[in-house]
Amino acid sequence: MSSNVASHLPVPLDMLKRVLDTVGIFDVGSAWHRAKRRAAARLLISAFQRGTCSEAALVTILMSQIEMLSPPFPCEDVDRWENEGGGVQPDLAAAPETVH
């Protein structure tokens, strides 16, 4: 039999979740985390369909490609957001207000 059986089988969802969690790509509610988790899942599904079926091997593949899974938006956008105050908590202790 020359056909690759793994290419026709779905990836077990529980295994996919364990591999993602092991690598540290957790299921967090932000759009950035969801996009990164989806990209990682696509990479794992592709590896599984090419015949890599062990969790340890999938973790290794994902770890080796982790830098490829960049955020879905340019870093300049994040920098601009932070520069405009998006990433800064106000320092409430610096200037106490008095209410009259």
PDB file of N, CA and C in Angstrom:
ATOM      1  N   MET A   1       0.840  -1.170   0.000  1.00  0.00           N
ATOM      2  CA  MET A   1       0.000   0.000   0.000  1.00  0.00           C
ATOM      3  C   MET A   1       0.890   1.240   0.000  1.00  0.00           C
ATOM      4  N   SER A   2       0.796   2.026  -1.050  1.00  0.00           N
ATOM      5  CA  SER A   2       1.677   3.171  -1.160  1.00  0.00           C
ATOM      6  C   SER A   2       1.032   4.483  -0.725  1.00  0.00           C
ATOM      7  N   SER A   3      -0.255   4.487  -0.497  1.00  0.00           N
ATOM      8  CA  SER A   3      -0.903   5.738  -0.101  1.00  0.00           C
ATOM      9  C   SER A   3      -0.615   6.050   1.362  1.00  0.00           C
ATOM     10  N   ASN A   4      -0.567   7.317   1.665  1.00  0.00           N
ATOM     11  CA  ASN A   4      -0.314   7.764   3.029  1.00  0.00           C
ATOM     12  C   ASN A   4      -1.647   7.863   3.758  1.00  0.00           C
ATOM     13  N   VAL A   5      -1.902   6.926   4.665  1.00  0.00           N
ATOM     14  CA  VAL A   5      -3.166   6.869   5.382  1.00  0.00           C
ATOM     15  C   VAL A   5      -3.358   8.109   6.246  1.00  0.00           C
ATOM     16  N   ALA A   6      -2.278   8.638   6.838  1.00  0.00           N
ATOM     17  CA  ALA A   6      -2.390   9.799   7.727  1.00  0.00           C
ATOM     18  C   ALA A   6      -2.927  11.022   7.000  1.00  0.00           C
ATOM     19  N   SER A   7      -2.691  11.126   5.690  1.00  0.00           N
ATOM     20  CA  SER A   7      -3.165  12.305   4.961  1.00  0.00           C
ATOM     21  C   SER A   7      -4.679  12.343   4.848  1.00  0.00           C
ATOM     22  N   HIS A   8      -5.341  11.222   5.100  1.00  0.00           N
ATOM     23  CA  HIS A   8      -6.792  11.156   4.994  1.00  0.00           C
ATOM     24  C   HIS A   8      -7.474  11.139   6.355  1.00  0.00           C
ATOM     25  N   LEU A   9      -6.701  11.076   7.413  1.00  0.00           N
ATOM     26  CA  LEU A   9      -7.282  11.035   8.753  1.00  0.00           C
ATOM     27  C   LEU A   9      -7.304  12.421   9.369  1.00  0.00           C
ATOM     28  N   PRO A  10      -8.367  12.734  10.101  1.00  0.00           N
ATOM     29  CA  PRO A  10      -8.366  14.016  10.810  1.00  0.00           C
ATOM     30  C   PRO A  10      -7.409  13.965  12.000  1.00  0.00           C
ATOM     31  N   VAL A  11      -6.852  15.113  12.328  1.00  0.00           N
ATOM     32  CA  VAL A  11      -5.967  15.199  13.489  1.00  0.00           C
ATOM     33  C   VAL A  11      -6.833  15.114  14.732  1.00  0.00           C
ATOM     34  N   PRO A  12      -6.490  14.245  15.682  1.00  0.00           N
ATOM     35  CA  PRO A  12      -7.267  14.179  16.921  1.00  0.00           C
ATOM     36  C   PRO A  12      -7.220  15.531  17.632  1.00  0.00           C
ATOM     37  N   LEU A  13      -8.390  16.104  17.892  1.00  0.00           N
ATOM     38  CA  LEU A  13      -8.484  17.442  18.463  1.00  0.00           C
ATOM     39  C   LEU A  13      -7.814  17.542  19.825  1.00  0.00           C
ATOM     40  N   ASP A  14      -7.965  16.514  20.660  1.00  0.00           N
ATOM     41  CA  ASP A  14      -7.342  16.558  21.986  1.00  0.00           C
ATOM     42  C   ASP A  14      -5.814  16.577  21.876  1.00  0.00           C
ATOM     43  N   MET A  15      -5.266  15.850  20.897  1.00  0.00           N
ATOM     44  CA  MET A  15      -3.819  15.856  20.695  1.00  0.00           C
ATOM     45  C   MET A  15      -3.362  17.225  20.202  1.00  0.00           C
ATOM     46  N   LEU A  16      -4.109  17.807  19.285  1.00  0.00           N
ATOM     47  CA  LEU A  16      -3.778  19.128  18.764  1.00  0.00           C
ATOM     48  C   LEU A  16      -3.752  20.159  19.897  1.00  0.00           C
ATOM     49  N   LYS A  17      -4.745  20.126  20.764  1.00  0.00           N
ATOM     50  CA  LYS A  17      -4.799  21.055  21.898  1.00  0.00           C
ATOM     51  C   LYS A  17      -3.620  20.846  22.849  1.00  0.00           C
ATOM     52  N   ARG A  18      -3.279  19.586  23.126  1.00  0.00           N
ATOM     53  CA  ARG A  18      -2.149  19.307  24.022  1.00  0.00           C
ATOM     54  C   ARG A  18      -0.835  19.824  23.457  1.00  0.00           C
ATOM     55  N   VAL A  19      -0.629  19.628  22.156  1.00  0.00           N
ATOM     56  CA  VAL A  19       0.616  20.099  21.529  1.00  0.00           C
ATOM     57  C   VAL A  19       0.687  21.625  21.595  1.00  0.00           C
ATOM     58  N   LEU A  20      -0.396  22.299  21.258  1.00  0.00           N
ATOM     59  CA  LEU A  20      -0.419  23.760  21.310  1.00  0.00           C
ATOM     60  C   LEU A  20      -0.158  24.259  22.731  1.00  0.00           C
ATOM     61  N   ASP A  21      -0.784  23.643  23.710  1.00  0.00           N
ATOM     62  CA  ASP A  21      -0.589  24.046  25.108  1.00  0.00           C
ATOM     63  C   ASP A  21       0.833  23.754  25.580  1.00  0.00           C
ATOM     64  N   THR A  22       1.386  22.629  25.160  1.00  0.00           N
ATOM     65  CA  THR A  22       2.746  22.261  25.549  1.00  0.00           C
ATOM     66  C   THR A  22       3.753  23.297  25.052  1.00  0.00           C
ATOM     67  N   VAL A  23       3.537  23.794  23.850  1.00  0.00           N
ATOM     68  CA  VAL A  23       4.440  24.778  23.269  1.00  0.00           C
ATOM     69  C   VAL A  23       4.199  26.163  23.863  1.00  0.00           C
ATOM     70  N   GLY A  24       3.065  26.351  24.498  1.00  0.00           N
ATOM     71  CA  GLY A  24       2.773  27.641  25.129  1.00  0.00           C
ATOM     72  C   GLY A  24       1.872  28.539  24.306  1.00  0.00           C
ATOM     73  N   ILE A  25       1.197  27.976  23.330  1.00  0.00           N
ATOM     74  CA  ILE A  25       0.246  28.745  22.526  1.00  0.00           C
ATOM     75  C   ILE A  25      -1.145  28.423  23.072  1.00  0.00           C
ATOM     76  N   PHE A  26      -1.491  29.141  24.127  1.00  0.00           N
ATOM     77  CA  PHE A  26      -2.714  28.856  24.867  1.00  0.00           C
ATOM     78  C   PHE A  26      -3.927  29.479  24.194  1.00  0.00           C
ATOM     79  N   ASP A  27      -5.089  28.972  24.553  1.00  0.00           N
ATOM     80  CA  ASP A  27      -6.353  29.455  24.014  1.00  0.00           C
ATOM     81  C   ASP A  27      -6.792  30.678  24.808  1.00  0.00           C
ATOM     82  N   VAL A  28      -6.281  31.851  24.398  1.00  0.00           N
ATOM     83  CA  VAL A  28      -6.578  33.114  25.057  1.00  0.00           C
ATOM     84  C   VAL A  28      -7.528  33.897  24.159  1.00  0.00           C
ATOM     85  N   GLY A  29      -8.366  34.722  24.742  1.00  0.00           N
ATOM     86  CA  GLY A  29      -9.424  35.392  24.001  1.00  0.00           C
ATOM     87  C   GLY A  29      -9.019  36.513  23.061  1.00  0.00           C
ATOM     88  N   SER A  30      -7.785  36.974  23.093  1.00  0.00           N
ATOM     89  CA  SER A  30      -7.424  38.106  22.232  1.00  0.00           C
ATOM     90  C   SER A  30      -7.310  37.669  20.778  1.00  0.00           C
ATOM     91  N   ALA A  31      -7.529  38.608  19.877  1.00  0.00           N
ATOM     92  CA  ALA A  31      -7.451  38.313  18.441  1.00  0.00           C
ATOM     93  C   ALA A  31      -6.054  37.842  18.052  1.00  0.00           C
ATOM     94  N   TRP A  32      -5.024  38.459  18.646  1.00  0.00           N
ATOM     95  CA  TRP A  32      -3.652  38.076  18.336  1.00  0.00           C
ATOM     96  C   TRP A  32      -3.388  36.622  18.717  1.00  0.00           C
ATOM     97  N   HIS A  33      -3.819  36.216  19.917  1.00  0.00           N
ATOM     98  CA  HIS A  33      -3.612  34.837  20.364  1.00  0.00           C
ATOM     99  C   HIS A  33      -4.394  33.854  19.504  1.00  0.00           C
ATOM    100  N   ARG A  34      -5.627  34.202  19.161  1.00  0.00           N
ATOM    101  CA  ARG A  34      -6.427  33.306  18.316  1.00  0.00           C
ATOM    102  C   ARG A  34      -5.770  33.120  16.955  1.00  0.00           C
ATOM    103  N   ALA A  35      -5.261  34.202  16.367  1.00  0.00           N
ATOM    104  CA  ALA A  35      -4.607  34.109  15.054  1.00  0.00           C
ATOM    105  C   ALA A  35      -3.339  33.258  15.136  1.00  0.00           C
ATOM    106  N   LYS A  36      -2.571  33.452  16.194  1.00  0.00           N
ATOM    107  CA  LYS A  36      -1.337  32.668  16.360  1.00  0.00           C
ATOM    108  C   LYS A  36      -1.673  31.188  16.568  1.00  0.00           C
ATOM    109  N   ARG A  37      -2.698  30.905  17.356  1.00  0.00           N
ATOM    110  CA  ARG A  37      -3.096  29.518  17.603  1.00  0.00           C
ATOM    111  C   ARG A  37      -3.610  28.869  16.317  1.00  0.00           C
ATOM    112  N   ARG A  38      -4.377  29.614  15.509  1.00  0.00           N
ATOM    113  CA  ARG A  38      -4.857  29.072  14.229  1.00  0.00           C
ATOM    114  C   ARG A  38      -3.694  28.757  13.292  1.00  0.00           C
ATOM    115  N   ALA A  39      -2.732  29.672  13.202  1.00  0.00           N
ATOM    116  CA  ALA A  39      -1.570  29.447  12.332  1.00  0.00           C
ATOM    117  C   ALA A  39      -0.786  28.224  12.791  1.00  0.00           C
ATOM    118  N   ALA A  40      -0.618  28.074  14.092  1.00  0.00           N
ATOM    119  CA  ALA A  40       0.099  26.916  14.637  1.00  0.00           C
ATOM    120  C   ALA A  40      -0.683  25.635  14.369  1.00  0.00           C
ATOM    121  N   ALA A  41      -1.991  25.690  14.514  1.00  0.00           N
ATOM    122  CA  ALA A  41      -2.818  24.505  14.256  1.00  0.00           C
ATOM    123  C   ALA A  41      -2.713  24.082  12.794  1.00  0.00           C
ATOM    124  N   ARG A  42      -2.705  25.067  11.885  1.00  0.00           N
ATOM    125  CA  ARG A  42      -2.553  24.722  10.456  1.00  0.00           C
ATOM    126  C   ARG A  42      -1.216  24.028  10.197  1.00  0.00           C
ATOM    127  N   LEU A  43      -0.160  24.529  10.823  1.00  0.00           N
ATOM    128  CA  LEU A  43       1.158  23.916  10.683  1.00  0.00           C
ATOM    129  C   LEU A  43       1.148  22.474  11.195  1.00  0.00           C
ATOM    130  N   LEU A  44       0.523  22.263  12.348  1.00  0.00           N
ATOM    131  CA  LEU A  44       0.458  20.912  12.931  1.00  0.00           C
ATOM    132  C   LEU A  44      -0.373  19.968  12.079  1.00  0.00           C
ATOM    133  N   ILE A  45      -1.486  20.451  11.569  1.00  0.00           N
ATOM    134  CA  ILE A  45      -2.337  19.603  10.720  1.00  0.00           C
ATOM    135  C   ILE A  45      -1.570  19.190   9.463  1.00  0.00           C
ATOM    136  N   SER A  46      -0.859  20.132   8.883  1.00  0.00           N
ATOM    137  CA  SER A  46      -0.052  19.822   7.695  1.00  0.00           C
ATOM    138  C   SER A  46       1.009  18.763   8.010  1.00  0.00           C
ATOM    139  N   ALA A  47       1.696  18.924   9.149  1.00  0.00           N
ATOM    140  CA  ALA A  47       2.719  17.943   9.548  1.00  0.00           C
ATOM    141  C   ALA A  47       2.087  16.575   9.796  1.00  0.00           C
ATOM    142  N   PHE A  48       0.931  16.561  10.428  1.00  0.00           N
ATOM    143  CA  PHE A  48       0.228  15.307  10.706  1.00  0.00           C
ATOM    144  C   PHE A  48      -0.147  14.616   9.394  1.00  0.00           C
ATOM    145  N   GLN A  49      -0.639  15.390   8.449  1.00  0.00           N
ATOM    146  CA  GLN A  49      -1.049  14.817   7.165  1.00  0.00           C
ATOM    147  C   GLN A  49       0.139  14.329   6.341  1.00  0.00           C
ATOM    148  N   ARG A  50       1.328  14.854   6.619  1.00  0.00           N
ATOM    149  CA  ARG A  50       2.542  14.359   5.952  1.00  0.00           C
ATOM    150  C   ARG A  50       3.099  13.124   6.645  1.00  0.00           C
ATOM    151  N   GLY A  51       2.475  12.702   7.749  1.00  0.00           N
ATOM    152  CA  GLY A  51       2.878  11.465   8.387  1.00  0.00           C
ATOM    153  C   GLY A  51       3.470  11.590   9.776  1.00  0.00           C
ATOM    154  N   THR A  52       3.617  12.795  10.311  1.00  0.00           N
ATOM    155  CA  THR A  52       4.130  12.977  11.667  1.00  0.00           C
ATOM    156  C   THR A  52       2.963  12.818  12.630  1.00  0.00           C
ATOM    157  N   CYS A  53       2.947  11.698  13.354  1.00  0.00           N
ATOM    158  CA  CYS A  53       1.778  11.392  14.180  1.00  0.00           C
ATOM    159  C   CYS A  53       2.064  11.363  15.676  1.00  0.00           C
ATOM    160  N   SER A  54       3.318  11.488  16.102  1.00  0.00           N
ATOM    161  CA  SER A  54       3.579  11.463  17.542  1.00  0.00           C
ATOM    162  C   SER A  54       3.531  12.874  18.104  1.00  0.00           C
ATOM    163  N   GLU A  55       2.999  13.005  19.310  1.00  0.00           N
ATOM    164  CA  GLU A  55       2.903  14.312  19.957  1.00  0.00           C
ATOM    165  C   GLU A  55       4.284  14.937  20.131  1.00  0.00           C
ATOM    166  N   ALA A  56       5.253  14.145  20.534  1.00  0.00           N
ATOM    167  CA  ALA A  56       6.600  14.661  20.755  1.00  0.00           C
ATOM    168  C   ALA A  56       7.182  15.243  19.466  1.00  0.00           C
ATOM    169  N   ALA A  57       6.982  14.555  18.362  1.00  0.00           N
ATOM    170  CA  ALA A  57       7.492  15.046  17.075  1.00  0.00           C
ATOM    171  C   ALA A  57       6.762  16.316  16.652  1.00  0.00           C
ATOM    172  N   LEU A  58       5.460  16.384  16.892  1.00  0.00           N
ATOM    173  CA  LEU A  58       4.696  17.580  16.545  1.00  0.00           C
ATOM    174  C   LEU A  58       5.129  18.776  17.401  1.00  0.00           C
ATOM    175  N   VAL A  59       5.408  18.527  18.680  1.00  0.00           N
ATOM    176  CA  VAL A  59       5.908  19.595  19.557  1.00  0.00           C
ATOM    177  C   VAL A  59       7.244  20.107  19.016  1.00  0.00           C
ATOM    178  N   THR A  60       8.118  19.197  18.631  1.00  0.00           N
ATOM    179  CA  THR A  60       9.427  19.578  18.097  1.00  0.00           C
ATOM    180  C   THR A  60       9.281  20.406  16.827  1.00  0.00           C
ATOM    181  N   ILE A  61       8.412  19.986  15.934  1.00  0.00           N
ATOM    182  CA  ILE A  61       8.187  20.728  14.688  1.00  0.00           C
ATOM    183  C   ILE A  61       7.668  22.123  14.995  1.00  0.00           C
ATOM    184  N   LEU A  62       6.689  22.215  15.885  1.00  0.00           N
ATOM    185  CA  LEU A  62       6.110  23.517  16.204  1.00  0.00           C
ATOM    186  C   LEU A  62       7.130  24.427  16.881  1.00  0.00           C
ATOM    187  N   MET A  63       7.925  23.875  17.787  1.00  0.00           N
ATOM    188  CA  MET A  63       8.960  24.669  18.457  1.00  0.00           C
ATOM    189  C   MET A  63       9.975  25.204  17.437  1.00  0.00           C
ATOM    190  N   SER A  64      10.292  24.405  16.434  1.00  0.00           N
ATOM    191  CA  SER A  64      11.274  24.843  15.441  1.00  0.00           C
ATOM    192  C   SER A  64      10.714  25.917  14.515  1.00  0.00           C
ATOM    193  N   GLN A  65       9.402  26.019  14.434  1.00  0.00           N
ATOM    194  CA  GLN A  65       8.769  26.985  13.536  1.00  0.00           C
ATOM    195  C   GLN A  65       8.086  28.134  14.273  1.00  0.00           C
ATOM    196  N   ILE A  66       8.289  28.242  15.571  1.00  0.00           N
ATOM    197  CA  ILE A  66       7.547  29.201  16.388  1.00  0.00           C
ATOM    198  C   ILE A  66       7.770  30.642  15.933  1.00  0.00           C
ATOM    199  N   GLU A  67       8.975  30.977  15.484  1.00  0.00           N
ATOM    200  CA  GLU A  67       9.256  32.333  15.026  1.00  0.00           C
ATOM    201  C   GLU A  67       8.498  32.663  13.739  1.00  0.00           C
ATOM    202  N   MET A  68       8.189  31.634  12.956  1.00  0.00           N
ATOM    203  CA  MET A  68       7.447  31.844  11.718  1.00  0.00           C
ATOM    204  C   MET A  68       6.022  32.306  12.006  1.00  0.00           C
ATOM    205  N   LEU A  69       5.525  31.989  13.166  1.00  0.00           N
ATOM    206  CA  LEU A  69       4.151  32.332  13.530  1.00  0.00           C
ATOM    207  C   LEU A  69       4.100  33.741  14.098  1.00  0.00           C
ATOM    208  N   SER A  70       4.385  34.703  13.256  1.00  0.00           N
ATOM    209  CA  SER A  70       4.427  36.092  13.704  1.00  0.00           C
ATOM    210  C   SER A  70       3.008  36.622  13.870  1.00  0.00           C
ATOM    211  N   PRO A  71       2.876  37.746  14.575  1.00  0.00           N
ATOM    212  CA  PRO A  71       1.550  38.317  14.759  1.00  0.00           C
ATOM    213  C   PRO A  71       0.924  38.694  13.418  1.00  0.00           C
ATOM    214  N   PRO A  72      -0.409  38.718  13.357  1.00  0.00           N
ATOM    215  CA  PRO A  72      -1.080  39.008  12.092  1.00  0.00           C
ATOM    216  C   PRO A  72      -1.044  40.485  11.699  1.00  0.00           C
ATOM    217  N   PHE A  73      -0.318  41.294  12.430  1.00  0.00           N
ATOM    218  CA  PHE A  73      -0.205  42.712  12.113  1.00  0.00           C
ATOM    219  C   PHE A  73       1.247  43.127  12.303  1.00  0.00           C
ATOM    220  N   PRO A  74       1.687  44.151  11.593  1.00  0.00           N
ATOM    221  CA  PRO A  74       3.086  44.577  11.695  1.00  0.00           C
ATOM    222  C   PRO A  74       3.430  45.087  13.090  1.00  0.00           C
ATOM    223  N   CYS A  75       4.667  44.876  13.498  1.00  0.00           N
ATOM    224  CA  CYS A  75       5.131  45.337  14.804  1.00  0.00           C
ATOM    225  C   CYS A  75       5.039  46.854  14.924  1.00  0.00           C
ATOM    226  N   GLU A  76       5.135  47.547  13.781  1.00  0.00           N
ATOM    227  CA  GLU A  76       5.022  49.003  13.820  1.00  0.00           C
ATOM    228  C   GLU A  76       3.657  49.425  14.344  1.00  0.00           C
ATOM    229  N   ASP A  77       2.610  48.659  14.024  1.00  0.00           N
ATOM    230  CA  ASP A  77       1.273  48.972  14.526  1.00  0.00           C
ATOM    231  C   ASP A  77       1.219  48.841  16.040  1.00  0.00           C
ATOM    232  N   VAL A  78       1.882  47.819  16.578  1.00  0.00           N
ATOM    233  CA  VAL A  78       1.919  47.633  18.022  1.00  0.00           C
ATOM    234  C   VAL A  78       2.687  48.779  18.669  1.00  0.00           C
ATOM    235  N   ASP A  79       3.820  49.145  18.068  1.00  0.00           N
ATOM    236  CA  ASP A  79       4.612  50.260  18.597  1.00  0.00           C
ATOM    237  C   ASP A  79       3.800  51.547  18.602  1.00  0.00           C
ATOM    238  N   ARG A  80       3.082  51.802  17.522  1.00  0.00           N
ATOM    239  CA  ARG A  80       2.285  53.026  17.440  1.00  0.00           C
ATOM    240  C   ARG A  80       1.180  53.001  18.498  1.00  0.00           C
ATOM    241  N   TRP A  81       0.537  51.863  18.670  1.00  0.00           N
ATOM    242  CA  TRP A  81      -0.514  51.722  19.669  1.00  0.00           C
ATOM    243  C   TRP A  81       0.036  52.022  21.059  1.00  0.00           C
ATOM    244  N   GLU A  82       1.217  51.461  21.379  1.00  0.00           N
ATOM    245  CA  GLU A  82       1.822  51.711  22.683  1.00  0.00           C
ATOM    246  C   GLU A  82       2.234  53.173  22.829  1.00  0.00           C
ATOM    247  N   ASN A  83       2.761  53.776  21.765  1.00  0.00           N
ATOM    248  CA  ASN A  83       3.168  55.179  21.815  1.00  0.00           C
ATOM    249  C   ASN A  83       1.981  56.114  22.013  1.00  0.00           C
ATOM    250  N   GLU A  84       0.817  55.688  21.556  1.00  0.00           N
ATOM    251  CA  GLU A  84      -0.381  56.507  21.710  1.00  0.00           C
ATOM    252  C   GLU A  84      -1.099  56.238  23.023  1.00  0.00           C
ATOM    253  N   GLY A  85      -0.462  55.471  23.901  1.00  0.00           N
ATOM    254  CA  GLY A  85      -1.035  55.230  25.215  1.00  0.00           C
ATOM    255  C   GLY A  85      -1.820  53.950  25.355  1.00  0.00           C
ATOM    256  N   GLY A  86      -1.838  53.127  24.328  1.00  0.00           N
ATOM    257  CA  GLY A  86      -2.614  51.895  24.380  1.00  0.00           C
ATOM    258  C   GLY A  86      -2.061  50.853  25.330  1.00  0.00           C
ATOM    259  N   GLY A  87      -0.770  50.891  25.584  1.00  0.00           N
ATOM    260  CA  GLY A  87      -0.179  49.872  26.433  1.00  0.00           C
ATOM    261  C   GLY A  87       0.258  50.390  27.779  1.00  0.00           C
ATOM    262  N   VAL A  88      -0.156  51.599  28.128  1.00  0.00           N
ATOM    263  CA  VAL A  88       0.329  52.210  29.363  1.00  0.00           C
ATOM    264  C   VAL A  88      -0.829  52.381  30.330  1.00  0.00           C
ATOM    265  N   GLN A  89      -0.627  51.939  31.547  1.00  0.00           N
ATOM    266  CA  GLN A  89      -1.606  52.157  32.603  1.00  0.00           C
ATOM    267  C   GLN A  89      -1.353  53.533  33.213  1.00  0.00           C
ATOM    268  N   PRO A  90      -2.391  54.292  33.486  1.00  0.00           N
ATOM    269  CA  PRO A  90      -2.160  55.600  34.107  1.00  0.00           C
ATOM    270  C   PRO A  90      -1.592  55.447  35.506  1.00  0.00           C
ATOM    271  N   ASP A  91      -0.712  56.354  35.871  1.00  0.00           N
ATOM    272  CA  ASP A  91      -0.110  56.335  37.190  1.00  0.00           C
ATOM    273  C   ASP A  91      -1.002  57.150  38.124  1.00  0.00           C
ATOM    274  N   LEU A  92      -1.903  56.454  38.800  1.00  0.00           N
ATOM    275  CA  LEU A  92      -2.872  57.132  39.652  1.00  0.00           C
ATOM    276  C   LEU A  92      -2.248  57.681  40.924  1.00  0.00           C
ATOM    277  N   ALA A  93      -1.147  57.124  41.349  1.00  0.00           N
ATOM    278  CA  ALA A  93      -0.511  57.580  42.584  1.00  0.00           C
ATOM    279  C   ALA A  93       0.279  58.862  42.376  1.00  0.00           C
ATOM    280  N   ALA A  94       0.635  59.189  41.146  1.00  0.00           N
ATOM    281  CA  ALA A  94       1.487  60.348  40.876  1.00  0.00           C
ATOM    282  C   ALA A  94       0.767  61.670  41.127  1.00  0.00           C
ATOM    283  N   ALA A  95      -0.497  61.748  40.764  1.00  0.00           N
ATOM    284  CA  ALA A  95      -1.227  63.008  40.906  1.00  0.00           C
ATOM    285  C   ALA A  95      -2.600  62.742  41.505  1.00  0.00           C
ATOM    286  N   PRO A  96      -2.715  62.687  42.805  1.00  0.00           N
ATOM    287  CA  PRO A  96      -4.017  62.428  43.410  1.00  0.00           C
ATOM    288  C   PRO A  96      -4.978  63.581  43.157  1.00  0.00           C
ATOM    289  N   GLU A  97      -6.199  63.230  42.824  1.00  0.00           N
ATOM    290  CA  GLU A  97      -7.220  64.239  42.579  1.00  0.00           C
ATOM    291  C   GLU A  97      -8.030  64.469  43.855  1.00  0.00           C
ATOM    292  N   THR A  98      -8.455  65.670  44.027  1.00  0.00           N
ATOM    293  CA  THR A  98      -9.365  65.970  45.131  1.00  0.00           C
ATOM    294  C   THR A  98     -10.737  66.246  44.532  1.00  0.00           C
ATOM    295  N   VAL A  99     -11.711  65.645  45.100  1.00  0.00           N
ATOM    296  CA  VAL A  99     -13.077  65.819  44.625  1.00  0.00           C
ATOM    297  C   VAL A  99     -13.757  66.848  45.503  1.00  0.00           C
ATOM    298  N   HIS A 100     -14.356  67.856  44.886  1.00  0.00           N
ATOM    299  CA  HIS A 100     -15.038  68.920  45.653  1.00  0.00           C
ATOM    300  C   HIS A 100     -16.512  68.769  45.540  1.00  0.00           C
TER     301      HIS A 100
END
